[in-house]
Amino acid sequence: MLRQRQLNVQQQNALVQKSIRDGAIYWRREMLPEALKVSGEERGVVWAKSIVVELDIDFPGMPAIFGLLVTQNERFIRFEIDTDSGHQLVKAVETWNDVTAAQDLSLHNRGTGAGHGALALKVLRELNADATEPPPAG
């Protein structure tokens, strides 16, 4: 029987960071559900400088839209929004909580490396730095 080699901490962190980055880039490029976009803007979220870390839509037994985002001010927001079937209209914002204090922001956890929150902040900073850099001359 073949045994697969386990990934080291740095490799595991790189995979988590890539997953966060891929999701963040996807939601920056794709159209956010209008109800989320409006709810965030009403609460000061600048979407071009914030990232969506988790977004679930139409999960049975849950509000229509729920997840986690990191704002331009590096605040982690847990949200739950009930919407119409097309996710255009907000019926109710059930949760919009700053959960920054509950995030693992450590870069050096013994045995696991960087915390999920620290990796999300790293992605946010990288994407925002990339967005402000001038295009290469050529």
Protein backbone atom coordinates (compact mmCIF):
# COMPACT_ATOMS: atom_id res chain seq x y z
CA MET A 1 0.00 0.00 0.00
CA LEU A 2 1.34 3.43 -0.94
CA ARG A 3 1.80 5.96 1.81
CA GLN A 4 1.48 9.58 0.92
CA ARG A 5 3.97 11.95 2.42
CA GLN A 6 2.37 14.49 4.74
CA LEU A 7 2.87 18.12 3.92
CA ASN A 8 5.07 20.16 6.21
CA VAL A 9 3.68 23.20 8.01
CA GLN A 10 4.90 25.65 5.36
CA GLN A 11 3.29 23.59 2.59
CA GLN A 12 0.03 23.34 4.52
CA ASN A 13 0.01 27.11 5.11
CA ALA A 14 0.74 27.71 1.43
CA LEU A 15 -2.27 25.58 0.45
CA VAL A 16 -4.58 27.42 2.86
CA GLN A 17 -3.25 30.78 1.66
CA LYS A 18 -3.78 29.77 -1.99
CA SER A 19 -7.34 28.71 -1.20
CA ILE A 20 -8.06 32.06 0.49
CA ARG A 21 -6.41 33.96 -2.39
CA ASP A 22 -8.30 32.01 -5.07
CA GLY A 23 -11.62 32.69 -3.33
CA ALA A 24 -10.81 36.36 -2.79
CA ILE A 25 -9.80 36.85 -6.43
CA TYR A 26 -12.90 35.01 -7.63
CA TRP A 27 -15.25 37.24 -5.62
CA ARG A 28 -13.38 40.39 -6.66
CA ARG A 29 -13.77 39.43 -10.32
CA GLU A 30 -17.27 37.99 -10.18
CA MET A 31 -20.41 39.83 -9.25
CA LEU A 32 -21.05 39.61 -5.52
CA PRO A 33 -24.69 38.95 -4.68
CA GLU A 34 -26.30 42.40 -4.76
CA ALA A 35 -27.74 42.00 -1.27
CA LEU A 36 -24.25 41.40 0.16
CA LYS A 37 -22.72 44.21 -1.87
CA VAL A 38 -25.31 46.72 -0.67
CA SER A 39 -25.26 45.51 2.94
CA GLY A 40 -21.48 45.90 3.03
CA GLU A 41 -21.46 49.31 1.39
CA GLU A 42 -24.08 50.54 3.89
CA ARG A 43 -21.68 49.50 6.65
CA GLY A 44 -18.57 51.11 5.14
CA VAL A 45 -17.08 48.17 3.26
CA VAL A 46 -14.99 49.22 0.26
CA TRP A 47 -15.26 46.08 -1.84
CA ALA A 48 -12.28 46.92 -4.07
CA LYS A 49 -10.05 46.80 -0.97
CA SER A 50 -11.80 44.04 1.00
CA ILE A 51 -11.91 40.29 0.49
CA VAL A 52 -14.51 37.59 0.90
CA VAL A 53 -12.96 34.70 2.82
CA GLU A 54 -16.06 32.49 2.97
CA LEU A 55 -19.38 32.84 1.15
CA ASP A 56 -22.18 30.31 1.20
CA ILE A 57 -25.35 30.81 -0.77
CA ASP A 58 -28.66 28.96 -0.38
CA PHE A 59 -27.42 26.43 2.17
CA PRO A 60 -30.44 24.59 3.61
CA GLY A 61 -31.50 25.78 7.05
CA MET A 62 -29.36 28.93 6.92
CA PRO A 63 -29.98 32.52 5.80
CA ALA A 64 -29.72 32.94 2.02
CA ILE A 65 -26.19 34.40 2.18
CA PHE A 66 -23.66 33.92 4.98
CA GLY A 67 -19.92 33.93 5.44
CA LEU A 68 -16.85 35.89 6.44
CA LEU A 69 -15.12 38.89 4.93
CA VAL A 70 -12.12 41.03 5.76
CA THR A 71 -12.65 44.76 5.31
CA GLN A 72 -10.23 47.34 3.99
CA ASN A 73 -9.56 48.17 7.67
CA GLU A 74 -8.47 44.56 8.35
CA ARG A 75 -11.59 43.77 10.37
CA PHE A 76 -13.14 40.31 10.11
CA ILE A 77 -16.92 40.44 9.69
CA ARG A 78 -19.21 37.42 10.08
CA PHE A 79 -22.46 38.00 8.19
CA GLU A 80 -25.82 36.33 7.64
CA ILE A 81 -28.28 37.97 5.27
CA ASP A 82 -31.76 36.83 4.35
CA THR A 83 -32.60 37.81 0.77
CA ASP A 84 -35.08 37.27 -2.01
CA SER A 85 -34.53 34.23 -4.25
CA GLY A 86 -32.29 36.17 -6.64
CA HIS A 87 -30.18 37.61 -3.78
CA GLN A 88 -30.88 41.12 -5.01
CA LEU A 89 -33.03 42.44 -2.17
CA VAL A 90 -32.18 42.35 1.52
CA LYS A 91 -35.02 41.00 3.64
CA ALA A 92 -33.00 41.13 6.87
CA VAL A 93 -29.40 41.36 7.99
CA GLU A 94 -29.49 38.73 10.71
CA THR A 95 -25.81 38.97 11.63
CA TRP A 96 -23.12 41.55 10.91
CA ASN A 97 -20.54 41.06 13.65
CA ASP A 98 -16.92 42.07 13.96
CA VAL A 99 -15.22 38.79 14.88
CA THR A 100 -11.63 40.02 14.56
CA ALA A 101 -10.86 39.22 18.20
CA ALA A 102 -11.80 35.57 17.61
CA GLN A 103 -9.41 35.12 14.66
CA ASP A 104 -6.05 33.37 14.92
CA LEU A 105 -3.76 36.15 13.76
CA SER A 106 -0.54 34.52 14.91
CA LEU A 107 2.14 33.93 12.30
CA HIS A 108 3.90 31.29 14.39
CA ASN A 109 1.64 28.70 16.00
CA ARG A 110 3.53 25.68 17.20
CA GLY A 111 2.89 22.76 14.89
CA THR A 112 0.47 24.59 12.60
CA GLY A 113 2.32 27.70 11.50
CA ALA A 114 0.30 30.77 10.63
CA GLY A 115 -3.30 31.08 11.77
CA HIS A 116 -6.15 31.27 9.27
CA GLY A 117 -6.72 34.93 10.16
CA ALA A 118 -3.07 35.79 9.65
CA LEU A 119 -3.13 34.14 6.22
CA ALA A 120 -6.31 36.02 5.27
CA LEU A 121 -4.68 39.33 6.25
CA LYS A 122 -1.61 38.42 4.21
CA VAL A 123 -3.81 37.77 1.16
CA LEU A 124 -5.71 41.04 1.70
CA ARG A 125 -2.46 43.01 1.89
CA GLU A 126 -0.98 41.28 -1.18
CA LEU A 127 -4.07 41.85 -3.31
CA ASN A 128 -4.35 45.48 -2.24
CA ALA A 129 -0.64 46.06 -2.93
CA ASP A 130 -1.01 44.45 -6.36
CA ALA A 131 -3.96 46.72 -7.11
CA THR A 132 -1.97 49.88 -6.33
CA GLU A 133 1.24 48.99 -8.17
CA PRO A 134 1.65 50.67 -11.56
CA PRO A 135 1.62 48.36 -14.57
CA PRO A 136 5.07 47.25 -15.79
CA ALA A 137 6.69 49.49 -18.37
CA GLY A 138 7.10 47.98 -21.73
